[in-house]
Structure formats: C-alpha cells, structure tokens
Amino acid sequence: MKVDAPPSWPTTVDEAEAIQEKLRSRLDLTGPGPRHPATVAGVDVAYAGERLVAAVVVLDGATLEVLEQVAVPGRVAFDYVPGLLAFRELPGLITALERLTRTPELIVCDGYGLAHPRRFGLACHLGVLTGLPTIGVGKTAYVGTYEMPGRRRGSWSELRLGDDVVGRVLRTQDDVKPVFVSVGNRIDLDTACANVLALCPRHRLPETTRAADRLSRAVLTRGTTP
C-alpha cells in the first residue's frame, strides 16, 4: 500500500513538534468512517534496548482471521520524549505498511489520536500519512480527565482535555479495566467506539492490537514470524 512518507525524519524535539503542528491541519475529523470495515489493520512496536520490531497485521473485519502480516526489524532513531513517541515508531511502521499487498479500510493503533497534548498522537499521524481512517486505543489515560464508566461492556464516559472531548473511556468487557479510545483521522468517535467493541469479542484489547503485539514480540525474541 502507498504511504506518504516524509523524505527525512526529525532529529530534535523542536523539529518533531513543528511537524506535529504542521500536519494537524490536514486531519479530517468529520468522519463518519467505516462502520463495518472488510479489513482492519493493527499496528504495534516491540522494543529490546535500541532494537525494535514494527508489526502490522491485517484482519478480516467480520471473522477477525489474520489475512496478512508484516514485521520489520530496526533500531530506535529518536529518543523517548513524552508526546513524541510516534517518531520512534513511525519509520518502522511505515515500512511495514508499504510492504502490505492490500490496503486495509481501517487502522487501529496501540496508542492515541486526539487524546494527546498537541491533539496529534500516533493514530493522527498515521492517518495523515496513509490517508486512511485511524483509531487510537490506549491502555491508560495519557492526558485528560474522566469519570469511570459503568461496569458493563459498552459503557463509556467522556475523556476531556480542558473544554474539549478528546476521546472516550470505553468498557470492552464486563468488569474489566476500560480502554481509552480517541479518533485519529477520517472517523467519528461513535464509529470508532463501535469498531473497537466489534474488535473486542472476548478480550479487553482489540484483536488487531493483540495480533500485532504477538507478531512484534515473536520476531523480536525469536527472529521469525509465529
């Protein structure tokens, strides 16, 4: 698939923040996005010191069966800075996405979209570069305030940053910790949450995230795909 990759990556915090500010104007936040995507990709990155493996796994949107997977080993090219994690992960993820033989209708990131200090997390960045609908699903709240949602699957509460709603705190299974869903690009929050629930039939995290996590860890530790 085609990705609008930049010719070079930033080397300083100021350069990285300037890129986020510039690209944020290209976001499409009107949605509605695909309600029943035929294919959904999950992306994740595993680390071991300075080594990393970026993984992309494409699932059938209805059966959640794995259709295609790509893993790309590499090395960390940007120091860890809160709010700039995307610049550690994007080079490998873009390479992996470009090696896919099919273009997914939706990308789900293990991270954040608008729920970010500059309203431009990894899901937003990937959405702009790919032009595809993207969702961020975080395990914890990176920014914002919220009330805990009800105990049942599908219960949710607003995630707010200042006066803005930047996501939802969504219960994907009864009596388990919620996840933090935020829009990345070309999808609205209602549709994003509906997709996350569809991707979580049995577990707290989306099957896309679980599959990409397994693949990245397996290649990092064993050097081969599972």
C-alpha atoms as a PDB file:
ATOM      1  CA  MET A   1       0.000   0.000   0.000  1.00  0.00           C
ATOM      2  CA  LYS A   2       1.034   3.597  -0.557  1.00  0.00           C
ATOM      3  CA  VAL A   3       2.139   5.794   2.342  1.00  0.00           C
ATOM      4  CA  ASP A   4       3.031   9.482   2.068  1.00  0.00           C
ATOM      5  CA  ALA A   5       6.301   9.025   3.952  1.00  0.00           C
ATOM      6  CA  PRO A   6       8.424  12.127   4.610  1.00  0.00           C
ATOM      7  CA  PRO A   7      11.836  12.388   2.903  1.00  0.00           C
ATOM      8  CA  SER A   8      13.541  12.617   6.309  1.00  0.00           C
ATOM      9  CA  TRP A   9      12.702  12.346   9.985  1.00  0.00           C
ATOM     10  CA  PRO A  10      13.303  14.972  12.693  1.00  0.00           C
ATOM     11  CA  THR A  11      16.336  14.767  14.940  1.00  0.00           C
ATOM     12  CA  THR A  12      15.321  17.321  17.593  1.00  0.00           C
ATOM     13  CA  VAL A  13      12.303  17.919  19.795  1.00  0.00           C
ATOM     14  CA  ASP A  14      11.634  21.307  18.187  1.00  0.00           C
ATOM     15  CA  GLU A  15      11.625  19.773  14.712  1.00  0.00           C
ATOM     16  CA  ALA A  16       9.284  16.971  15.787  1.00  0.00           C
ATOM     17  CA  GLU A  17       6.816  19.319  17.469  1.00  0.00           C
ATOM     18  CA  ALA A  18       6.834  21.601  14.425  1.00  0.00           C
ATOM     19  CA  ILE A  19       5.898  18.626  12.221  1.00  0.00           C
ATOM     20  CA  GLN A  20       3.002  17.743  14.506  1.00  0.00           C
ATOM     21  CA  GLU A  21       1.712  21.300  14.413  1.00  0.00           C
ATOM     22  CA  LYS A  22       2.011  21.446  10.620  1.00  0.00           C
ATOM     23  CA  LEU A  23       0.333  18.103   9.907  1.00  0.00           C
ATOM     24  CA  ARG A  24      -2.506  18.611  12.359  1.00  0.00           C
ATOM     25  CA  SER A  25      -4.217  20.943   9.889  1.00  0.00           C
ATOM     26  CA  ARG A  26      -4.535  18.018   7.455  1.00  0.00           C
ATOM     27  CA  LEU A  27      -6.693  15.928   9.798  1.00  0.00           C
ATOM     28  CA  ASP A  28     -10.208  15.010   8.687  1.00  0.00           C
ATOM     29  CA  LEU A  29     -12.294  14.768  11.855  1.00  0.00           C
ATOM     30  CA  THR A  30     -15.729  14.792  10.224  1.00  0.00           C
ATOM     31  CA  GLY A  31     -15.948  11.052   9.685  1.00  0.00           C
ATOM     32  CA  PRO A  32     -18.070   9.096   9.636  1.00  0.00           C
ATOM     33  CA  GLY A  33     -15.613   6.338   8.730  1.00  0.00           C
ATOM     34  CA  PRO A  34     -16.379   2.672   8.030  1.00  0.00           C
ATOM     35  CA  ARG A  35     -18.966   1.109  10.336  1.00  0.00           C
ATOM     36  CA  HIS A  36     -18.307  -2.441   9.142  1.00  0.00           C
ATOM     37  CA  PRO A  37     -14.847  -2.440   7.534  1.00  0.00           C
ATOM     38  CA  ALA A  38     -13.980  -5.502   5.478  1.00  0.00           C
ATOM     39  CA  THR A  39     -10.359  -5.356   6.594  1.00  0.00           C
ATOM     40  CA  VAL A  40      -8.786  -3.837   9.709  1.00  0.00           C
ATOM     41  CA  ALA A  41      -5.079  -3.447  10.432  1.00  0.00           C
ATOM     42  CA  GLY A  42      -3.453  -3.362  13.834  1.00  0.00           C
ATOM     43  CA  VAL A  43      -0.019  -1.830  14.384  1.00  0.00           C
ATOM     44  CA  ASP A  44       2.388  -2.227  17.281  1.00  0.00           C
ATOM     45  CA  VAL A  45       6.102  -1.939  18.076  1.00  0.00           C
ATOM     46  CA  ALA A  46       8.149  -4.109  20.448  1.00  0.00           C
ATOM     47  CA  TYR A  47      11.454  -2.938  21.944  1.00  0.00           C
ATOM     48  CA  ALA A  48      14.597  -4.530  23.361  1.00  0.00           C
ATOM     49  CA  GLY A  49      17.067  -1.800  24.209  1.00  0.00           C
ATOM     50  CA  GLU A  50      17.888   0.004  20.973  1.00  0.00           C
ATOM     51  CA  ARG A  51      16.377  -2.757  18.829  1.00  0.00           C
ATOM     52  CA  LEU A  52      12.746  -2.734  17.752  1.00  0.00           C
ATOM     53  CA  VAL A  53      10.296  -4.613  15.577  1.00  0.00           C
ATOM     54  CA  ALA A  54       7.378  -2.790  13.935  1.00  0.00           C
ATOM     55  CA  ALA A  55       4.436  -5.048  13.091  1.00  0.00           C
ATOM     56  CA  VAL A  56       1.291  -4.670  11.010  1.00  0.00           C
ATOM     57  CA  VAL A  57      -1.395  -7.364  10.963  1.00  0.00           C
ATOM     58  CA  VAL A  58      -4.474  -7.203   8.724  1.00  0.00           C
ATOM     59  CA  LEU A  59      -7.596  -8.996   9.953  1.00  0.00           C
ATOM     60  CA  ASP A  60     -10.836  -9.858   8.241  1.00  0.00           C
ATOM     61  CA  GLY A  61     -13.314  -7.350   9.655  1.00  0.00           C
ATOM     62  CA  ALA A  62     -16.068  -9.945  10.083  1.00  0.00           C
ATOM     63  CA  THR A  63     -14.258 -13.125  11.179  1.00  0.00           C
ATOM     64  CA  LEU A  64     -11.162 -11.445  12.724  1.00  0.00           C
ATOM     65  CA  GLU A  65      -8.970 -14.006  10.993  1.00  0.00           C
ATOM     66  CA  VAL A  66      -5.452 -12.926  10.061  1.00  0.00           C
ATOM     67  CA  LEU A  67      -5.197 -12.157   6.331  1.00  0.00           C
ATOM     68  CA  GLU A  68      -1.699 -10.703   6.146  1.00  0.00           C
ATOM     69  CA  GLN A  69       1.125  -9.747   8.466  1.00  0.00           C
ATOM     70  CA  VAL A  70       4.414  -7.899   8.100  1.00  0.00           C
ATOM     71  CA  ALA A  71       7.167  -7.349  10.656  1.00  0.00           C
ATOM     72  CA  VAL A  72      10.118  -5.010  10.165  1.00  0.00           C
ATOM     73  CA  PRO A  73      13.172  -5.119  12.479  1.00  0.00           C
ATOM     74  CA  GLY A  74      15.043  -1.886  13.048  1.00  0.00           C
ATOM     75  CA  ARG A  75      16.723   0.359  15.567  1.00  0.00           C
ATOM     76  CA  VAL A  76      15.458   3.279  17.613  1.00  0.00           C
ATOM     77  CA  ALA A  77      16.052   6.509  15.696  1.00  0.00           C
ATOM     78  CA  PHE A  78      14.532   9.054  18.091  1.00  0.00           C
ATOM     79  CA  ASP A  79      14.919   9.390  21.861  1.00  0.00           C
ATOM     80  CA  TYR A  80      11.895   8.772  24.049  1.00  0.00           C
ATOM     81  CA  VAL A  81      10.157  12.107  24.674  1.00  0.00           C
ATOM     82  CA  PRO A  82       6.603  12.237  26.083  1.00  0.00           C
ATOM     83  CA  GLY A  83       4.235  13.290  23.317  1.00  0.00           C
ATOM     84  CA  LEU A  84       6.694  12.367  20.571  1.00  0.00           C
ATOM     85  CA  LEU A  85       6.539   8.570  20.710  1.00  0.00           C
ATOM     86  CA  ALA A  86       5.289   8.486  17.125  1.00  0.00           C
ATOM     87  CA  PHE A  87       8.718   9.497  15.844  1.00  0.00           C
ATOM     88  CA  ARG A  88      10.254   6.362  17.380  1.00  0.00           C
ATOM     89  CA  GLU A  89       7.650   4.098  15.810  1.00  0.00           C
ATOM     90  CA  LEU A  90       6.612   5.659  12.505  1.00  0.00           C
ATOM     91  CA  PRO A  91       9.697   4.822  10.380  1.00  0.00           C
ATOM     92  CA  GLY A  92       9.306   1.085  11.017  1.00  0.00           C
ATOM     93  CA  LEU A  93       5.522   1.117  10.841  1.00  0.00           C
ATOM     94  CA  ILE A  94       5.517   2.959   7.520  1.00  0.00           C
ATOM     95  CA  THR A  95       7.959   0.435   6.049  1.00  0.00           C
ATOM     96  CA  ALA A  96       5.725  -2.401   7.252  1.00  0.00           C
ATOM     97  CA  LEU A  97       2.590  -0.774   5.847  1.00  0.00           C
ATOM     98  CA  GLU A  98       4.250  -0.195   2.486  1.00  0.00           C
ATOM     99  CA  ARG A  99       5.012  -3.923   2.264  1.00  0.00           C
ATOM    100  CA  LEU A 100       1.361  -4.915   2.601  1.00  0.00           C
ATOM    101  CA  THR A 101      -0.187  -6.306  -0.558  1.00  0.00           C
ATOM    102  CA  ARG A 102      -3.626  -4.990   0.433  1.00  0.00           C
ATOM    103  CA  THR A 103      -4.824  -1.669   1.815  1.00  0.00           C
ATOM    104  CA  PRO A 104      -6.905  -2.002   4.999  1.00  0.00           C
ATOM    105  CA  GLU A 105     -10.098   0.003   5.377  1.00  0.00           C
ATOM    106  CA  LEU A 106      -9.228   0.944   8.972  1.00  0.00           C
ATOM    107  CA  ILE A 107      -6.063   1.111  11.097  1.00  0.00           C
ATOM    108  CA  VAL A 108      -6.156   0.647  14.875  1.00  0.00           C
ATOM    109  CA  CYS A 109      -3.131   1.905  16.810  1.00  0.00           C
ATOM    110  CA  ASP A 110      -1.912   0.862  20.226  1.00  0.00           C
ATOM    111  CA  GLY A 111      -1.800   4.467  21.380  1.00  0.00           C
ATOM    112  CA  TYR A 112      -3.616   7.759  20.979  1.00  0.00           C
ATOM    113  CA  GLY A 113      -5.148  10.057  18.425  1.00  0.00           C
ATOM    114  CA  LEU A 114      -6.624  13.368  19.563  1.00  0.00           C
ATOM    115  CA  ALA A 115      -6.063  12.362  23.209  1.00  0.00           C
ATOM    116  CA  HIS A 116      -2.617  13.927  23.070  1.00  0.00           C
ATOM    117  CA  PRO A 117      -1.100  17.174  24.420  1.00  0.00           C
ATOM    118  CA  ARG A 118      -0.956  18.652  20.900  1.00  0.00           C
ATOM    119  CA  ARG A 119      -4.046  16.765  19.662  1.00  0.00           C
ATOM    120  CA  PHE A 120      -1.809  14.750  17.323  1.00  0.00           C
ATOM    121  CA  GLY A 121      -0.894  11.301  18.580  1.00  0.00           C
ATOM    122  CA  LEU A 122       0.322   8.298  16.619  1.00  0.00           C
ATOM    123  CA  ALA A 123      -3.132   7.487  15.209  1.00  0.00           C
ATOM    124  CA  CYS A 124      -3.479  11.028  13.837  1.00  0.00           C
ATOM    125  CA  HIS A 125      -0.005  10.949  12.336  1.00  0.00           C
ATOM    126  CA  LEU A 126      -0.559   7.576  10.653  1.00  0.00           C
ATOM    127  CA  GLY A 127      -3.955   8.739   9.441  1.00  0.00           C
ATOM    128  CA  VAL A 128      -2.492  11.777   7.695  1.00  0.00           C
ATOM    129  CA  LEU A 129       0.381   9.841   6.127  1.00  0.00           C
ATOM    130  CA  THR A 130      -1.784   6.961   4.889  1.00  0.00           C
ATOM    131  CA  GLY A 131      -4.975   8.898   4.187  1.00  0.00           C
ATOM    132  CA  LEU A 132      -6.906   6.112   5.914  1.00  0.00           C
ATOM    133  CA  PRO A 133      -9.384   6.083   8.823  1.00  0.00           C
ATOM    134  CA  THR A 134      -7.425   5.530  12.038  1.00  0.00           C
ATOM    135  CA  ILE A 135      -8.256   4.966  15.699  1.00  0.00           C
ATOM    136  CA  GLY A 136      -6.099   5.172  18.805  1.00  0.00           C
ATOM    137  CA  VAL A 137      -6.813   2.677  21.600  1.00  0.00           C
ATOM    138  CA  GLY A 138      -4.728   3.263  24.717  1.00  0.00           C
ATOM    139  CA  LYS A 139      -4.425   1.034  27.759  1.00  0.00           C
ATOM    140  CA  THR A 140      -4.170   4.010  30.126  1.00  0.00           C
ATOM    141  CA  ALA A 141      -5.126   7.686  30.071  1.00  0.00           C
ATOM    142  CA  TYR A 142      -2.220   9.715  28.721  1.00  0.00           C
ATOM    143  CA  VAL A 143      -3.996  13.069  29.022  1.00  0.00           C
ATOM    144  CA  GLY A 144      -7.360  14.333  30.200  1.00  0.00           C
ATOM    145  CA  THR A 145      -9.890  13.777  32.937  1.00  0.00           C
ATOM    146  CA  TYR A 146     -12.814  11.374  33.094  1.00  0.00           C
ATOM    147  CA  GLU A 147     -15.281   9.573  35.272  1.00  0.00           C
ATOM    148  CA  MET A 148     -15.157   5.801  35.403  1.00  0.00           C
ATOM    149  CA  PRO A 149     -17.804   4.288  33.098  1.00  0.00           C
ATOM    150  CA  GLY A 150     -20.325   1.659  34.162  1.00  0.00           C
ATOM    151  CA  ARG A 151     -19.242  -1.932  34.748  1.00  0.00           C
ATOM    152  CA  ARG A 152     -20.897  -3.471  31.684  1.00  0.00           C
ATOM    153  CA  ARG A 153     -19.451  -3.924  28.204  1.00  0.00           C
ATOM    154  CA  GLY A 154     -20.250  -0.911  26.032  1.00  0.00           C
ATOM    155  CA  SER A 155     -20.453   1.545  28.922  1.00  0.00           C
ATOM    156  CA  TRP A 156     -18.441   4.699  28.362  1.00  0.00           C
ATOM    157  CA  SER A 157     -17.634   8.147  29.671  1.00  0.00           C
ATOM    158  CA  GLU A 158     -16.096  11.226  28.078  1.00  0.00           C
ATOM    159  CA  LEU A 159     -12.354  11.804  28.104  1.00  0.00           C
ATOM    160  CA  ARG A 160     -11.880  15.559  28.319  1.00  0.00           C
ATOM    161  CA  LEU A 161      -8.833  17.748  27.893  1.00  0.00           C
ATOM    162  CA  GLY A 162      -9.711  21.214  29.077  1.00  0.00           C
ATOM    163  CA  ASP A 163     -13.027  22.122  27.457  1.00  0.00           C
ATOM    164  CA  ASP A 164     -12.677  19.571  24.658  1.00  0.00           C
ATOM    165  CA  VAL A 165     -13.832  15.970  24.394  1.00  0.00           C
ATOM    166  CA  VAL A 166     -10.791  14.141  23.011  1.00  0.00           C
ATOM    167  CA  GLY A 167     -11.984  10.557  23.408  1.00  0.00           C
ATOM    168  CA  ARG A 168     -13.980   8.035  25.381  1.00  0.00           C
ATOM    169  CA  VAL A 169     -13.244   5.725  28.243  1.00  0.00           C
ATOM    170  CA  LEU A 170     -14.814   2.515  26.957  1.00  0.00           C
ATOM    171  CA  ARG A 171     -15.586  -0.721  28.799  1.00  0.00           C
ATOM    172  CA  THR A 172     -14.958  -3.522  26.313  1.00  0.00           C
ATOM    173  CA  GLN A 173     -15.755  -6.404  28.687  1.00  0.00           C
ATOM    174  CA  ASP A 174     -17.855  -6.656  31.831  1.00  0.00           C
ATOM    175  CA  ASP A 175     -15.924  -5.760  34.980  1.00  0.00           C
ATOM    176  CA  VAL A 176     -12.540  -5.279  33.303  1.00  0.00           C
ATOM    177  CA  LYS A 177     -10.462  -2.125  33.053  1.00  0.00           C
ATOM    178  CA  PRO A 178     -11.666   0.206  30.284  1.00  0.00           C
ATOM    179  CA  VAL A 179      -9.632   1.314  27.276  1.00  0.00           C
ATOM    180  CA  PHE A 180      -9.144   4.871  26.053  1.00  0.00           C
ATOM    181  CA  VAL A 181     -10.432   5.425  22.540  1.00  0.00           C
ATOM    182  CA  SER A 182      -9.618   8.532  20.507  1.00  0.00           C
ATOM    183  CA  VAL A 183     -10.133   9.474  16.890  1.00  0.00           C
ATOM    184  CA  GLY A 184      -7.097   9.544  14.626  1.00  0.00           C
ATOM    185  CA  ASN A 185      -8.335  10.535  11.178  1.00  0.00           C
ATOM    186  CA  ARG A 186     -11.394  10.178   8.896  1.00  0.00           C
ATOM    187  CA  ILE A 187     -13.673   8.643  11.520  1.00  0.00           C
ATOM    188  CA  ASP A 188     -16.006   9.958  14.208  1.00  0.00           C
ATOM    189  CA  LEU A 189     -15.991   8.913  17.846  1.00  0.00           C
ATOM    190  CA  ASP A 190     -19.252   6.939  17.717  1.00  0.00           C
ATOM    191  CA  THR A 191     -17.989   4.866  14.793  1.00  0.00           C
ATOM    192  CA  ALA A 192     -14.571   4.462  16.360  1.00  0.00           C
ATOM    193  CA  CYS A 193     -16.064   3.034  19.554  1.00  0.00           C
ATOM    194  CA  ALA A 194     -18.403   0.731  17.613  1.00  0.00           C
ATOM    195  CA  ASN A 195     -15.404  -0.671  15.765  1.00  0.00           C
ATOM    196  CA  VAL A 196     -13.410  -1.138  18.961  1.00  0.00           C
ATOM    197  CA  LEU A 197     -16.252  -3.116  20.538  1.00  0.00           C
ATOM    198  CA  ALA A 198     -16.536  -5.273  17.416  1.00  0.00           C
ATOM    199  CA  LEU A 199     -12.808  -5.983  17.644  1.00  0.00           C
ATOM    200  CA  CYS A 200     -13.086  -6.999  21.309  1.00  0.00           C
ATOM    201  CA  PRO A 201     -15.416 -10.041  21.298  1.00  0.00           C
ATOM    202  CA  ARG A 202     -13.627 -11.830  24.165  1.00  0.00           C
ATOM    203  CA  HIS A 203     -10.769  -9.716  25.483  1.00  0.00           C
ATOM    204  CA  ARG A 204     -10.154  -6.240  26.816  1.00  0.00           C
ATOM    205  CA  LEU A 205      -7.929  -5.155  23.903  1.00  0.00           C
ATOM    206  CA  PRO A 206      -8.837  -5.247  20.196  1.00  0.00           C
ATOM    207  CA  GLU A 207      -7.832  -8.379  18.317  1.00  0.00           C
ATOM    208  CA  THR A 208      -5.860  -6.122  15.965  1.00  0.00           C
ATOM    209  CA  THR A 209      -3.683  -4.914  18.844  1.00  0.00           C
ATOM    210  CA  ARG A 210      -3.291  -8.408  20.270  1.00  0.00           C
ATOM    211  CA  ALA A 211      -2.225  -9.853  16.914  1.00  0.00           C
ATOM    212  CA  ALA A 212       0.278  -7.063  16.175  1.00  0.00           C
ATOM    213  CA  ASP A 213       1.693  -7.329  19.693  1.00  0.00           C
ATOM    214  CA  ARG A 214       2.203 -11.107  19.345  1.00  0.00           C
ATOM    215  CA  LEU A 215       3.888 -10.710  15.982  1.00  0.00           C
ATOM    216  CA  SER A 216       6.250  -7.901  17.041  1.00  0.00           C
ATOM    217  CA  ARG A 217       7.310  -9.749  20.207  1.00  0.00           C
ATOM    218  CA  ALA A 218       7.822 -13.051  18.429  1.00  0.00           C
ATOM    219  CA  VAL A 219      10.055 -11.540  15.764  1.00  0.00           C
ATOM    220  CA  LEU A 220      11.964  -9.516  18.362  1.00  0.00           C
ATOM    221  CA  THR A 221      12.722 -12.542  20.551  1.00  0.00           C
ATOM    222  CA  ARG A 222      12.989 -15.353  18.004  1.00  0.00           C
ATOM    223  CA  GLY A 223      13.614 -13.535  14.751  1.00  0.00           C
ATOM    224  CA  THR A 224      10.791 -15.372  12.999  1.00  0.00           C
ATOM    225  CA  THR A 225       7.079 -14.874  12.499  1.00  0.00           C
ATOM    226  CA  PRO A 226       4.804 -17.126  14.596  1.00  0.00           C
END
